[in-house]
Amino acid sequence: MTDTLSPSARSERMSRVRGRDTKPELRVRRLLHSLGYRFRLHRRDLPGSPDIVLSRHRAVILVHGCFWHRHDDPNCRLARMPKSRLDFWGPKLASNQVRDERVRQSLIALGWRVLVIWECEVKDEEKLRNEIVGFLAGKGANGASD
């Protein structure tokens, strides 16, 4: 199956994909702020420059896009595999998963607690609030939200 867009149109569309300040990340940040938590963003001195770092709680929150990070929940419709260029997308998305796990393990080895929040989980604000509060209260193990 061929791409429905021209190479220049595809390039322009892909250039709009951002790694920071995504809508799911902004929703999580607004929720944290409303709960009274203070945090730093994208600390470059930590493996993977985590999205949200709560130093006082020795915790990091990684907000993953379901497509780019391959959410493996069978109910997640956002993690579908593209229909074209599978020879490119398969290894690309698999390497993203390997990198994510390596970063998570590195953070844990440094003594950080890690919470992964998936893009599809951000829509249910009450569930998200409970998950974050429980995690920061120490009730969640490393990577409790996988």
Protein backbone atom coordinates (compact mmCIF):
# COMPACT_ATOMS: atom_id res chain seq x y z
CA MET A 1 0.00 0.00 0.00
CA THR A 2 1.41 3.37 -0.94
CA ASP A 3 1.33 6.54 1.07
CA THR A 4 -1.67 8.77 0.33
CA LEU A 5 0.43 11.91 0.79
CA SER A 6 3.29 13.23 -1.30
CA PRO A 7 6.76 13.03 0.30
CA SER A 8 6.76 16.79 0.99
CA ALA A 9 3.26 16.68 2.52
CA ARG A 10 4.24 13.68 4.67
CA SER A 11 7.40 15.48 5.78
CA GLU A 12 5.42 18.57 6.72
CA ARG A 13 2.88 16.51 8.69
CA MET A 14 5.56 14.56 10.55
CA SER A 15 7.41 17.77 11.43
CA ARG A 16 4.36 18.78 13.47
CA VAL A 17 4.79 15.81 15.81
CA ARG A 18 6.28 17.10 19.04
CA GLY A 19 8.09 15.30 21.83
CA ARG A 20 7.32 17.94 24.46
CA ASP A 21 4.28 19.86 25.59
CA THR A 22 1.90 17.35 24.04
CA LYS A 23 -1.79 17.54 24.97
CA PRO A 24 -1.61 14.47 27.25
CA GLU A 25 1.49 15.85 28.96
CA LEU A 26 -0.15 19.25 29.48
CA ARG A 27 -3.24 17.60 30.99
CA VAL A 28 -1.09 15.65 33.46
CA ARG A 29 0.87 18.77 34.35
CA ARG A 30 -2.31 20.81 34.93
CA LEU A 31 -3.70 18.04 37.14
CA LEU A 32 -0.48 17.83 39.17
CA HIS A 33 -0.42 21.59 39.61
CA SER A 34 -4.08 21.66 40.71
CA LEU A 35 -3.25 19.00 43.31
CA GLY A 36 -0.53 21.26 44.71
CA TYR A 37 2.50 19.35 43.43
CA ARG A 38 5.51 21.18 42.09
CA PHE A 39 7.78 19.62 39.53
CA ARG A 40 10.49 20.15 36.95
CA LEU A 41 10.23 19.30 33.28
CA HIS A 42 12.59 17.29 31.10
CA ARG A 43 15.59 17.18 33.44
CA ARG A 44 18.49 16.52 31.13
CA ASP A 45 20.68 15.16 33.92
CA LEU A 46 18.39 12.11 34.23
CA PRO A 47 18.23 9.21 31.76
CA GLY A 48 15.75 9.92 28.98
CA SER A 49 14.99 13.48 30.17
CA PRO A 50 11.76 12.42 31.92
CA ASP A 51 8.63 14.42 31.13
CA ILE A 52 7.86 15.31 34.76
CA VAL A 53 10.24 15.09 37.72
CA LEU A 54 9.03 15.43 41.30
CA SER A 55 12.33 15.59 43.18
CA ARG A 56 10.76 15.89 46.63
CA HIS A 57 9.03 12.54 46.07
CA ARG A 58 12.00 11.01 44.21
CA ALA A 59 9.53 10.24 41.44
CA VAL A 60 9.27 10.70 37.69
CA ILE A 61 6.21 10.54 35.47
CA LEU A 62 6.61 9.50 31.86
CA VAL A 63 3.69 10.46 29.61
CA HIS A 64 3.77 8.12 26.63
CA GLY A 65 1.91 8.50 23.37
CA CYS A 66 0.20 5.20 22.62
CA PHE A 67 1.33 5.08 18.98
CA TRP A 68 4.96 6.09 19.39
CA HIS A 69 5.63 4.01 22.50
CA ARG A 70 3.47 1.00 21.47
CA HIS A 71 0.90 0.75 24.24
CA ASP A 72 0.21 -2.98 24.49
CA ASP A 73 -3.28 -2.75 26.01
CA PRO A 74 -5.67 -4.60 23.65
CA ASN A 75 -8.36 -1.99 24.38
CA CYS A 76 -6.17 0.91 23.22
CA ARG A 77 -7.19 2.01 19.74
CA LEU A 78 -4.41 4.62 19.51
CA ALA A 79 -1.59 2.07 19.28
CA ARG A 80 -2.49 0.59 15.92
CA MET A 81 0.27 -0.27 13.49
CA PRO A 82 0.48 1.74 10.25
CA LYS A 83 -0.65 -0.08 7.11
CA SER A 84 2.16 1.13 4.88
CA ARG A 85 5.96 0.98 5.17
CA LEU A 86 5.94 -1.79 7.76
CA ASP A 87 9.62 -2.42 7.02
CA PHE A 88 10.30 1.05 8.46
CA TRP A 89 7.67 1.31 11.21
CA GLY A 90 8.12 -2.16 12.73
CA PRO A 91 11.79 -1.73 13.74
CA LYS A 92 11.33 1.99 14.54
CA LEU A 93 8.51 1.42 17.02
CA ALA A 94 10.16 -1.70 18.48
CA SER A 95 13.35 0.28 19.14
CA ASN A 96 11.26 2.94 20.90
CA GLN A 97 9.95 0.25 23.26
CA VAL A 98 13.46 -1.06 23.95
CA ARG A 99 14.69 2.47 24.66
CA ASP A 100 11.74 3.18 26.97
CA GLU A 101 12.45 0.06 29.03
CA ARG A 102 16.18 0.87 29.21
CA VAL A 103 15.38 4.42 30.43
CA ARG A 104 12.88 3.10 32.99
CA GLN A 105 15.38 0.58 34.36
CA SER A 106 18.12 3.24 34.51
CA LEU A 107 15.88 5.57 36.51
CA ILE A 108 14.95 2.76 38.91
CA ALA A 109 18.64 1.87 39.33
CA LEU A 110 19.29 5.50 40.31
CA GLY A 111 16.64 5.28 43.02
CA TRP A 112 13.74 6.99 41.23
CA ARG A 113 10.18 5.71 41.31
CA VAL A 114 8.67 5.63 37.82
CA LEU A 115 5.05 6.02 36.72
CA VAL A 116 4.13 5.56 33.08
CA ILE A 117 0.93 7.28 31.99
CA TRP A 118 -0.42 6.40 28.57
CA GLU A 119 -2.10 8.89 26.26
CA CYS A 120 -5.39 6.94 26.31
CA GLU A 121 -5.46 7.01 30.14
CA VAL A 122 -5.45 10.80 30.36
CA LYS A 123 -9.10 11.14 29.32
CA ASP A 124 -10.49 9.72 32.58
CA GLU A 125 -9.40 12.52 34.92
CA GLU A 126 -10.75 10.99 38.14
CA LYS A 127 -8.95 7.68 37.54
CA LEU A 128 -5.80 9.58 36.57
CA ARG A 129 -6.01 11.71 39.72
CA ASN A 130 -6.34 8.61 41.92
CA GLU A 131 -3.44 6.90 40.16
CA ILE A 132 -1.12 9.90 40.54
CA VAL A 133 -2.06 10.60 44.17
CA GLY A 134 -1.60 6.92 45.06
CA PHE A 135 1.74 6.78 43.28
CA LEU A 136 3.08 9.90 44.96
CA ALA A 137 1.81 8.70 48.33
CA GLY A 138 4.05 5.66 47.86
CA LYS A 139 1.30 3.13 47.17
CA GLY A 140 2.50 2.27 43.65
CA ALA A 141 5.58 0.24 42.81
CA ASN A 142 8.03 1.20 40.10
CA GLY A 143 6.24 1.22 36.80
CA ALA A 144 2.92 0.39 38.44
CA SER A 145 1.00 1.73 35.45
CA ASP A 146 2.09 -0.47 32.57
